[in-house]
């Protein structure tokens, strides 16, 4: 099973962040197959795993090219998942009034609003805002940039909210979500 498939099954937020990272990596190596193969060899334990991962990356590259997101943007699958997550987010807040989710949201909301005010319209909803911010944190960590305590606090609240949302998403996909109104 590919890393992407594992993340898709286990945590939808991690899956989206992973795909964003792999889209950027593919762009950084100019879609060169040899570089992709060298990257895959760095983490696959055997030939079967290598071939599975290689197929996933070839499919990603093909999709990025066919959807014309070679320079920027994300594949349509990610947009669909973000839409679905945002719908679930709003359902948990406004229809189901899920208490622990609302509590996590209230903790993150001031940071979401602050991030939105600085995002120049790049994020369109709360879910995308949290994920975009978490992706930014990943990039900062990769660059070994300092991270302020305020940023850490905001990212922790985003992470907790997305973790809860991912949990509800997994339950929903498994048909175990209780949609009875509270």
C-alpha atoms as a PDB file:
ATOM      1  CA  UNK A   1       0.000   0.000   0.000  1.00  0.00           C
ATOM      2  CA  UNK A   2       1.382   3.414  -0.934  1.00  0.00           C
ATOM      3  CA  UNK A   3       2.052   6.108   1.627  1.00  0.00           C
ATOM      4  CA  UNK A   4      -0.662   8.210  -0.015  1.00  0.00           C
ATOM      5  CA  UNK A   5      -3.232   5.423   0.305  1.00  0.00           C
ATOM      6  CA  UNK A   6      -2.313   4.867   3.965  1.00  0.00           C
ATOM      7  CA  UNK A   7      -2.738   8.560   4.705  1.00  0.00           C
ATOM      8  CA  UNK A   8      -6.006   8.696   2.761  1.00  0.00           C
ATOM      9  CA  UNK A   9      -7.413   5.853   4.852  1.00  0.00           C
ATOM     10  CA  UNK A  10      -6.037   7.051   8.201  1.00  0.00           C
ATOM     11  CA  UNK A  11      -6.199  10.859   8.226  1.00  0.00           C
ATOM     12  CA  UNK A  12      -7.635  12.973   5.422  1.00  0.00           C
ATOM     13  CA  UNK A  13      -5.891  16.146   6.615  1.00  0.00           C
ATOM     14  CA  UNK A  14      -2.502  14.422   6.522  1.00  0.00           C
ATOM     15  CA  UNK A  15      -3.353  13.078   3.069  1.00  0.00           C
ATOM     16  CA  UNK A  16      -4.082  16.556   1.722  1.00  0.00           C
ATOM     17  CA  UNK A  17      -0.870  17.945   3.214  1.00  0.00           C
ATOM     18  CA  UNK A  18       1.063  15.006   1.773  1.00  0.00           C
ATOM     19  CA  UNK A  19      -0.349  15.534  -1.723  1.00  0.00           C
ATOM     20  CA  UNK A  20       0.425  19.260  -1.543  1.00  0.00           C
ATOM     21  CA  UNK A  21       3.986  18.416  -0.543  1.00  0.00           C
ATOM     22  CA  UNK A  22       4.359  15.870  -3.346  1.00  0.00           C
ATOM     23  CA  UNK A  23       2.905  18.308  -5.911  1.00  0.00           C
ATOM     24  CA  UNK A  24       5.537  20.839  -4.846  1.00  0.00           C
ATOM     25  CA  UNK A  25       8.289  18.230  -4.899  1.00  0.00           C
ATOM     26  CA  UNK A  26       7.346  17.133  -8.428  1.00  0.00           C
ATOM     27  CA  UNK A  27       7.376  20.776  -9.543  1.00  0.00           C
ATOM     28  CA  UNK A  28      10.761  21.348  -7.879  1.00  0.00           C
ATOM     29  CA  UNK A  29      12.317  18.499  -9.874  1.00  0.00           C
ATOM     30  CA  UNK A  30      10.614  19.648 -13.087  1.00  0.00           C
ATOM     31  CA  UNK A  31       8.584  16.445 -13.451  1.00  0.00           C
ATOM     32  CA  UNK A  32      11.755  14.426 -14.186  1.00  0.00           C
ATOM     33  CA  UNK A  33      11.046  10.704 -13.906  1.00  0.00           C
ATOM     34  CA  UNK A  34      14.617   9.816 -12.901  1.00  0.00           C
ATOM     35  CA  UNK A  35      14.513  12.252  -9.988  1.00  0.00           C
ATOM     36  CA  UNK A  36      11.130  10.878  -8.900  1.00  0.00           C
ATOM     37  CA  UNK A  37      12.507   7.342  -9.012  1.00  0.00           C
ATOM     38  CA  UNK A  38      15.572   8.330  -6.974  1.00  0.00           C
ATOM     39  CA  UNK A  39      13.287   9.952  -4.388  1.00  0.00           C
ATOM     40  CA  UNK A  40      11.082   6.843  -4.197  1.00  0.00           C
ATOM     41  CA  UNK A  41      14.122   4.561  -3.810  1.00  0.00           C
ATOM     42  CA  UNK A  42      15.157   6.601  -0.774  1.00  0.00           C
ATOM     43  CA  UNK A  43      12.204   5.328   1.259  1.00  0.00           C
ATOM     44  CA  UNK A  44      10.892   2.100  -0.279  1.00  0.00           C
ATOM     45  CA  UNK A  45      11.973  -1.150   1.384  1.00  0.00           C
ATOM     46  CA  UNK A  46      11.580  -3.429  -1.651  1.00  0.00           C
ATOM     47  CA  UNK A  47      10.823  -3.632  -5.388  1.00  0.00           C
ATOM     48  CA  UNK A  48       7.084  -4.115  -4.903  1.00  0.00           C
ATOM     49  CA  UNK A  49       6.785  -1.008  -2.729  1.00  0.00           C
ATOM     50  CA  UNK A  50       8.934   0.903  -5.234  1.00  0.00           C
ATOM     51  CA  UNK A  51       6.635  -0.047  -8.115  1.00  0.00           C
ATOM     52  CA  UNK A  52       3.481   0.880  -6.162  1.00  0.00           C
ATOM     53  CA  UNK A  53       4.881   4.269  -5.192  1.00  0.00           C
ATOM     54  CA  UNK A  54       6.195   4.868  -8.720  1.00  0.00           C
ATOM     55  CA  UNK A  55       2.745   4.190 -10.168  1.00  0.00           C
ATOM     56  CA  UNK A  56       1.192   6.653  -7.689  1.00  0.00           C
ATOM     57  CA  UNK A  57       3.708   9.351  -8.640  1.00  0.00           C
ATOM     58  CA  UNK A  58       3.259   8.737 -12.365  1.00  0.00           C
ATOM     59  CA  UNK A  59      -0.505   9.071 -11.877  1.00  0.00           C
ATOM     60  CA  UNK A  60       0.044  12.287  -9.898  1.00  0.00           C
ATOM     61  CA  UNK A  61       2.261  13.727 -12.640  1.00  0.00           C
ATOM     62  CA  UNK A  62      -0.210  12.714 -15.350  1.00  0.00           C
ATOM     63  CA  UNK A  63      -3.074  14.302 -13.409  1.00  0.00           C
ATOM     64  CA  UNK A  64      -1.133  17.494 -12.715  1.00  0.00           C
ATOM     65  CA  UNK A  65      -0.342  17.843 -16.413  1.00  0.00           C
ATOM     66  CA  UNK A  66      -3.841  17.019 -17.641  1.00  0.00           C
ATOM     67  CA  UNK A  67      -5.390  19.436 -15.127  1.00  0.00           C
ATOM     68  CA  UNK A  68      -2.771  22.082 -15.963  1.00  0.00           C
ATOM     69  CA  UNK A  69      -1.445  22.567 -12.446  1.00  0.00           C
ATOM     70  CA  UNK A  70       2.217  22.174 -13.358  1.00  0.00           C
ATOM     71  CA  UNK A  71       3.150  25.615 -12.017  1.00  0.00           C
ATOM     72  CA  UNK A  72       0.666  26.193  -9.189  1.00  0.00           C
ATOM     73  CA  UNK A  73      -2.610  24.939  -7.826  1.00  0.00           C
ATOM     74  CA  UNK A  74      -3.782  21.521  -6.806  1.00  0.00           C
ATOM     75  CA  UNK A  75      -5.315  18.526  -8.500  1.00  0.00           C
ATOM     76  CA  UNK A  76      -9.105  18.368  -8.601  1.00  0.00           C
ATOM     77  CA  UNK A  77      -9.240  15.451  -6.154  1.00  0.00           C
ATOM     78  CA  UNK A  78      -7.850  17.761  -3.471  1.00  0.00           C
ATOM     79  CA  UNK A  79     -10.368  20.491  -4.271  1.00  0.00           C
ATOM     80  CA  UNK A  80     -13.181  17.931  -3.979  1.00  0.00           C
ATOM     81  CA  UNK A  81     -11.866  16.686  -0.637  1.00  0.00           C
ATOM     82  CA  UNK A  82     -11.546  20.254   0.665  1.00  0.00           C
ATOM     83  CA  UNK A  83     -15.143  20.929  -0.378  1.00  0.00           C
ATOM     84  CA  UNK A  84     -16.291  17.738   1.362  1.00  0.00           C
ATOM     85  CA  UNK A  85     -14.314  18.563   4.503  1.00  0.00           C
ATOM     86  CA  UNK A  86     -15.701  22.096   4.603  1.00  0.00           C
ATOM     87  CA  UNK A  87     -19.226  20.724   4.240  1.00  0.00           C
ATOM     88  CA  UNK A  88     -18.599  18.310   7.126  1.00  0.00           C
ATOM     89  CA  UNK A  89     -17.040  21.137   9.173  1.00  0.00           C
ATOM     90  CA  UNK A  90     -20.161  23.268   8.735  1.00  0.00           C
ATOM     91  CA  UNK A  91     -22.415  20.291   9.459  1.00  0.00           C
ATOM     92  CA  UNK A  92     -20.588  19.553  12.721  1.00  0.00           C
ATOM     93  CA  UNK A  93     -20.818  23.198  13.789  1.00  0.00           C
ATOM     94  CA  UNK A  94     -24.267  24.232  12.637  1.00  0.00           C
ATOM     95  CA  UNK A  95     -26.451  21.147  12.286  1.00  0.00           C
ATOM     96  CA  UNK A  96     -25.072  18.490  14.591  1.00  0.00           C
ATOM     97  CA  UNK A  97     -23.676  21.018  17.050  1.00  0.00           C
ATOM     98  CA  UNK A  98     -21.013  18.500  18.043  1.00  0.00           C
ATOM     99  CA  UNK A  99     -19.757  19.832  21.386  1.00  0.00           C
ATOM    100  CA  UNK A 100     -16.120  18.754  21.310  1.00  0.00           C
ATOM    101  CA  UNK A 101     -15.764  19.912  17.712  1.00  0.00           C
ATOM    102  CA  UNK A 102     -17.292  23.299  18.550  1.00  0.00           C
ATOM    103  CA  UNK A 103     -14.886  23.602  21.478  1.00  0.00           C
ATOM    104  CA  UNK A 104     -11.879  22.906  19.231  1.00  0.00           C
ATOM    105  CA  UNK A 105     -13.223  25.359  16.657  1.00  0.00           C
ATOM    106  CA  UNK A 106     -13.707  28.137  19.228  1.00  0.00           C
ATOM    107  CA  UNK A 107     -10.102  27.704  20.300  1.00  0.00           C
ATOM    108  CA  UNK A 108      -8.880  27.940  16.678  1.00  0.00           C
ATOM    109  CA  UNK A 109     -11.303  30.594  15.429  1.00  0.00           C
ATOM    110  CA  UNK A 110      -9.357  33.723  16.477  1.00  0.00           C
ATOM    111  CA  UNK A 111      -6.224  32.326  14.814  1.00  0.00           C
ATOM    112  CA  UNK A 112      -8.214  31.410  11.688  1.00  0.00           C
ATOM    113  CA  UNK A 113      -9.577  34.947  11.478  1.00  0.00           C
ATOM    114  CA  UNK A 114      -6.097  36.404  11.940  1.00  0.00           C
ATOM    115  CA  UNK A 115      -4.629  34.108   9.290  1.00  0.00           C
ATOM    116  CA  UNK A 116      -7.451  34.952   6.868  1.00  0.00           C
ATOM    117  CA  UNK A 117      -6.775  38.662   7.310  1.00  0.00           C
ATOM    118  CA  UNK A 118      -3.176  38.090   6.143  1.00  0.00           C
ATOM    119  CA  UNK A 119      -3.827  35.520   3.404  1.00  0.00           C
ATOM    120  CA  UNK A 120      -4.784  37.895   0.560  1.00  0.00           C
ATOM    121  CA  UNK A 121      -7.807  35.739  -0.269  1.00  0.00           C
ATOM    122  CA  UNK A 122      -5.745  32.593  -0.874  1.00  0.00           C
ATOM    123  CA  UNK A 123      -7.815  30.535   1.569  1.00  0.00           C
ATOM    124  CA  UNK A 124     -11.547  30.456   0.992  1.00  0.00           C
ATOM    125  CA  UNK A 125     -12.852  28.751   4.135  1.00  0.00           C
ATOM    126  CA  UNK A 126     -11.855  27.715   7.646  1.00  0.00           C
ATOM    127  CA  UNK A 127     -10.706  24.217   6.664  1.00  0.00           C
ATOM    128  CA  UNK A 128      -8.525  25.418   3.810  1.00  0.00           C
ATOM    129  CA  UNK A 129      -7.145  28.156   6.062  1.00  0.00           C
ATOM    130  CA  UNK A 130      -6.083  25.651   8.718  1.00  0.00           C
ATOM    131  CA  UNK A 131      -4.531  23.265   6.210  1.00  0.00           C
ATOM    132  CA  UNK A 132      -2.725  26.050   4.347  1.00  0.00           C
ATOM    133  CA  UNK A 133      -1.308  27.349   7.624  1.00  0.00           C
ATOM    134  CA  UNK A 134      -0.222  23.846   8.663  1.00  0.00           C
ATOM    135  CA  UNK A 135       1.456  23.384   5.290  1.00  0.00           C
ATOM    136  CA  UNK A 136       3.267  26.672   5.845  1.00  0.00           C
ATOM    137  CA  UNK A 137       4.451  25.367   9.202  1.00  0.00           C
ATOM    138  CA  UNK A 138       5.774  22.236   7.500  1.00  0.00           C
ATOM    139  CA  UNK A 139       7.743  24.397   5.072  1.00  0.00           C
ATOM    140  CA  UNK A 140       9.144  26.503   7.929  1.00  0.00           C
ATOM    141  CA  UNK A 141      10.261  23.357   9.720  1.00  0.00           C
ATOM    142  CA  UNK A 142      11.890  21.974   6.570  1.00  0.00           C
ATOM    143  CA  UNK A 143      13.790  25.251   6.203  1.00  0.00           C
ATOM    144  CA  UNK A 144      14.678  25.091   9.914  1.00  0.00           C
ATOM    145  CA  UNK A 145      13.198  28.552  10.417  1.00  0.00           C
ATOM    146  CA  UNK A 146      12.380  29.760  13.935  1.00  0.00           C
ATOM    147  CA  UNK A 147       8.742  29.434  14.949  1.00  0.00           C
ATOM    148  CA  UNK A 148       7.298  31.878  17.443  1.00  0.00           C
ATOM    149  CA  UNK A 149       5.296  30.727  20.476  1.00  0.00           C
ATOM    150  CA  UNK A 150       2.245  32.528  19.048  1.00  0.00           C
ATOM    151  CA  UNK A 151       2.551  30.629  15.773  1.00  0.00           C
ATOM    152  CA  UNK A 152       3.022  27.384  17.677  1.00  0.00           C
ATOM    153  CA  UNK A 153      -0.143  28.052  19.667  1.00  0.00           C
ATOM    154  CA  UNK A 154      -2.122  28.823  16.503  1.00  0.00           C
ATOM    155  CA  UNK A 155      -0.798  25.757  14.687  1.00  0.00           C
ATOM    156  CA  UNK A 156      -1.587  23.535  17.661  1.00  0.00           C
ATOM    157  CA  UNK A 157      -5.187  24.733  17.600  1.00  0.00           C
ATOM    158  CA  UNK A 158      -5.376  24.165  13.816  1.00  0.00           C
ATOM    159  CA  UNK A 159      -3.860  20.712  14.207  1.00  0.00           C
ATOM    160  CA  UNK A 160      -6.338  19.742  16.922  1.00  0.00           C
ATOM    161  CA  UNK A 161      -9.279  21.015  14.873  1.00  0.00           C
ATOM    162  CA  UNK A 162      -8.139  19.213  11.718  1.00  0.00           C
ATOM    163  CA  UNK A 163      -7.488  16.058  13.732  1.00  0.00           C
ATOM    164  CA  UNK A 164     -11.062  16.099  15.033  1.00  0.00           C
ATOM    165  CA  UNK A 165     -12.387  16.847  11.544  1.00  0.00           C
ATOM    166  CA  UNK A 166     -10.322  13.994  10.092  1.00  0.00           C
ATOM    167  CA  UNK A 167     -11.724  11.663  12.749  1.00  0.00           C
ATOM    168  CA  UNK A 168     -15.305  12.620  11.850  1.00  0.00           C
ATOM    169  CA  UNK A 169     -14.481  12.306   8.147  1.00  0.00           C
ATOM    170  CA  UNK A 170     -13.186   8.779   8.685  1.00  0.00           C
ATOM    171  CA  UNK A 171     -16.357   7.877  10.615  1.00  0.00           C
ATOM    172  CA  UNK A 172     -18.499   9.425   7.887  1.00  0.00           C
ATOM    173  CA  UNK A 173     -16.707   7.524   5.122  1.00  0.00           C
ATOM    174  CA  UNK A 174     -17.073   4.286   7.085  1.00  0.00           C
ATOM    175  CA  UNK A 175     -20.809   4.909   7.489  1.00  0.00           C
ATOM    176  CA  UNK A 176     -20.426   5.210  11.261  1.00  0.00           C
ATOM    177  CA  UNK A 177     -21.235   8.896  11.584  1.00  0.00           C
ATOM    178  CA  UNK A 178     -24.345   9.673  13.572  1.00  0.00           C
ATOM    179  CA  UNK A 179     -26.194  12.429  11.751  1.00  0.00           C
ATOM    180  CA  UNK A 180     -29.001  12.606  14.304  1.00  0.00           C
ATOM    181  CA  UNK A 181     -29.557  16.201  15.258  1.00  0.00           C
ATOM    182  CA  UNK A 182     -28.700  17.027  18.890  1.00  0.00           C
END
